[in-house]
Amino acid sequence: MWPDPFIAREAAAGVYLEERDRRALEDNRRQIAEAEERMRAHQERETAEARKAQKADRAAYKAEQGWPM
């Protein structure tokens, strides 16, 4: 059975390769965006935790020194 000439013509023109490459690029962009979002969320959590720890340290120091809160 001979291949469909229309499909063979598209294959010869590289249409399928272009579509595969386009899908791969879209997937890569999506994965990069998801990774960047996770990284931003992680950094925000770390920053919030650091600020909370710094505030607790200051409060403990003030309490240790007998300063009013």
C-alpha atoms as a PDB file:
ATOM      1  CA  MET A   1       0.000   0.000   0.000  1.00  0.00           C
ATOM      2  CA  TRP A   2       1.381   3.341  -1.042  1.00  0.00           C
ATOM      3  CA  PRO A   3       1.434   6.196   1.419  1.00  0.00           C
ATOM      4  CA  ASP A   4      -1.106   8.927   0.979  1.00  0.00           C
ATOM      5  CA  PRO A   5       0.522  11.400  -1.455  1.00  0.00           C
ATOM      6  CA  PHE A   6      -0.816  14.384   0.489  1.00  0.00           C
ATOM      7  CA  ILE A   7       0.758  13.109   3.695  1.00  0.00           C
ATOM      8  CA  ALA A   8       3.982  12.181   1.881  1.00  0.00           C
ATOM      9  CA  ARG A   9       4.159  15.686   0.444  1.00  0.00           C
ATOM     10  CA  GLU A  10       3.740  17.193   3.937  1.00  0.00           C
ATOM     11  CA  ALA A  11       6.389  14.873   5.304  1.00  0.00           C
ATOM     12  CA  ALA A  12       8.768  15.822   2.505  1.00  0.00           C
ATOM     13  CA  ALA A  13       8.138  19.514   3.236  1.00  0.00           C
ATOM     14  CA  GLY A  14       9.040  18.996   6.874  1.00  0.00           C
ATOM     15  CA  VAL A  15       5.592  19.926   8.190  1.00  0.00           C
ATOM     16  CA  TYR A  16       5.610  17.137  10.753  1.00  0.00           C
ATOM     17  CA  LEU A  17       9.073  18.042  11.964  1.00  0.00           C
ATOM     18  CA  GLU A  18       8.050  21.672  12.331  1.00  0.00           C
ATOM     19  CA  GLU A  19       4.943  20.690  14.302  1.00  0.00           C
ATOM     20  CA  ARG A  20       6.975  18.369  16.527  1.00  0.00           C
ATOM     21  CA  ASP A  21       9.505  21.131  17.145  1.00  0.00           C
ATOM     22  CA  ARG A  22       6.741  23.651  17.855  1.00  0.00           C
ATOM     23  CA  ARG A  23       5.122  21.308  20.395  1.00  0.00           C
ATOM     24  CA  ALA A  24       8.494  20.625  22.020  1.00  0.00           C
ATOM     25  CA  LEU A  25       9.188  24.358  22.308  1.00  0.00           C
ATOM     26  CA  GLU A  26       5.744  24.957  23.816  1.00  0.00           C
ATOM     27  CA  ASP A  27       6.331  22.173  26.334  1.00  0.00           C
ATOM     28  CA  ASN A  28       9.752  23.575  27.220  1.00  0.00           C
ATOM     29  CA  ARG A  29       8.344  27.076  27.693  1.00  0.00           C
ATOM     30  CA  ARG A  30       5.560  25.730  29.902  1.00  0.00           C
ATOM     31  CA  GLN A  31       8.005  23.712  31.994  1.00  0.00           C
ATOM     32  CA  ILE A  32      10.307  26.717  32.376  1.00  0.00           C
ATOM     33  CA  ALA A  33       7.403  28.934  33.443  1.00  0.00           C
ATOM     34  CA  GLU A  34       6.278  26.346  36.003  1.00  0.00           C
ATOM     35  CA  ALA A  35       9.811  26.007  37.377  1.00  0.00           C
ATOM     36  CA  GLU A  36      10.183  29.788  37.638  1.00  0.00           C
ATOM     37  CA  GLU A  37       6.864  30.018  39.487  1.00  0.00           C
ATOM     38  CA  ARG A  38       7.934  27.302  41.928  1.00  0.00           C
ATOM     39  CA  MET A  39      11.258  29.086  42.447  1.00  0.00           C
ATOM     40  CA  ARG A  40       9.515  32.420  43.120  1.00  0.00           C
ATOM     41  CA  ALA A  41       7.153  30.780  45.604  1.00  0.00           C
ATOM     42  CA  HIS A  42      10.079  29.083  47.341  1.00  0.00           C
ATOM     43  CA  GLN A  43      12.015  32.346  47.574  1.00  0.00           C
ATOM     44  CA  GLU A  44       8.964  34.145  48.958  1.00  0.00           C
ATOM     45  CA  ARG A  45       8.529  31.448  51.619  1.00  0.00           C
ATOM     46  CA  GLU A  46      12.215  31.643  52.562  1.00  0.00           C
ATOM     47  CA  THR A  47      12.059  35.436  52.777  1.00  0.00           C
ATOM     48  CA  ALA A  48       8.946  35.302  54.962  1.00  0.00           C
ATOM     49  CA  GLU A  49      10.536  32.694  57.227  1.00  0.00           C
ATOM     50  CA  ALA A  50      13.728  34.770  57.534  1.00  0.00           C
ATOM     51  CA  ARG A  51      11.741  37.888  58.434  1.00  0.00           C
ATOM     52  CA  LYS A  52       9.727  35.932  60.995  1.00  0.00           C
ATOM     53  CA  ALA A  53      12.907  34.500  62.549  1.00  0.00           C
ATOM     54  CA  GLN A  54      14.522  37.957  62.599  1.00  0.00           C
ATOM     55  CA  LYS A  55      11.469  39.422  64.318  1.00  0.00           C
ATOM     56  CA  ALA A  56      11.491  36.611  66.885  1.00  0.00           C
ATOM     57  CA  ASP A  57      15.220  37.137  67.507  1.00  0.00           C
ATOM     58  CA  ARG A  58      14.686  40.848  68.067  1.00  0.00           C
ATOM     59  CA  ALA A  59      11.797  40.178  70.451  1.00  0.00           C
ATOM     60  CA  ALA A  60      13.903  37.654  72.383  1.00  0.00           C
ATOM     61  CA  TYR A  61      16.810  40.100  72.604  1.00  0.00           C
ATOM     62  CA  LYS A  62      14.544  42.892  73.819  1.00  0.00           C
ATOM     63  CA  ALA A  63      12.982  40.583  76.408  1.00  0.00           C
ATOM     64  CA  GLU A  64      16.448  39.460  77.526  1.00  0.00           C
ATOM     65  CA  GLN A  65      17.596  43.064  77.898  1.00  0.00           C
ATOM     66  CA  GLY A  66      14.425  44.051  79.724  1.00  0.00           C
ATOM     67  CA  TRP A  67      13.249  46.466  77.029  1.00  0.00           C
ATOM     68  CA  PRO A  68       9.536  47.191  76.737  1.00  0.00           C
ATOM     69  CA  MET A  69       7.836  45.374  73.894  1.00  0.00           C
END
